Amino acid sequence: MAEVSGRALGDFLRSRRERLTPEAVGLPPRPRRRTLGLRREEVAELAGIGIDWYVRLEQGRAVTPSAATIDALAGALRLDETEHAHLRTLARRPHLPAFTRERVPDGTARLLHGLDRPAYLTGRRWDVLAVNAAAAELFTGLDRLPPGDRNVLVYLLLTPAARELFGDGWAAQARHATAQFRAAFDLWAPDPAFTGLAARLRRGCPEFGRWWARHDVTRGGAGGKVLRGRAFDYATFQANEDPGLRLTVYTPR
């Protein structure tokens, strides 16, 4: 997937370049600009690299930037820590096998169902692989979705039950989830399991299309949510048996 990783790298660089203004990076404003954000030559100058080299990167061509170049670009584009880490990962052009849905080991399943608080297991594509009784009660309808639809993003973005569950906080939560998924998508596309899911979400959720176009990336792990007026803390744990498996546990405050 080296060529695809190059395209993802180029798309990400372009999205970060287009969101910046000359004033934001200390350059004088220039009238009658015909491009969004910074020009390519401005980014190259700020990063201290050649314009031809930067154009190759943004076009997704087969070039491998050094760690120093990636760090310079991160500084020029004012990337935060998560964006900088994502840029590094894309620059490594990881080779990933075709996606296959994960299997839950018996011991991990017993642990999940033995918990007395809401918890579920997800995979690399955010498929919901197993749900305990407390989570099935909290996330109404999640366990009743057809097996192929048991996915955090499908539930959150395409079901009325999720909008009711999150209430006024739905948009913020859905946008955050979109940015988390985008980080995984950039590594796995054009695997049809990922491109097909993204296409389905664009068709079914207009808000997703707008958020997706921004190419925001973020990381998860722990935090808080308000579900039907009740505050919960949640934490996510990676399984030793398969790093793609993640256990998410909710604790009422």
Foldseek 3Di string as FASTA:
>chain_A
DLLLLLQLLLLLLVLLQLVAACVVQPHDHDPPDPGGHDDLVQLCVQLVHDSVVSVCSNNSHPDQDDPSSLVSSCVSSVPDPQSSVLSVVSSVSDDDDQDDADDDDPVNQVVQQVDPFWKFKAFLQQATHDTYPNVCVLQPCLVVPPNVQNGPLSSLAADPSNCLFQPPCSLVVNLQVLQANLSSLSNRPPRCVSVVVLVVSVVRHVSSVVSVSSNHHDHDAWDWGATPNWIWTKGWDADPVDRRMIMIGIDTD
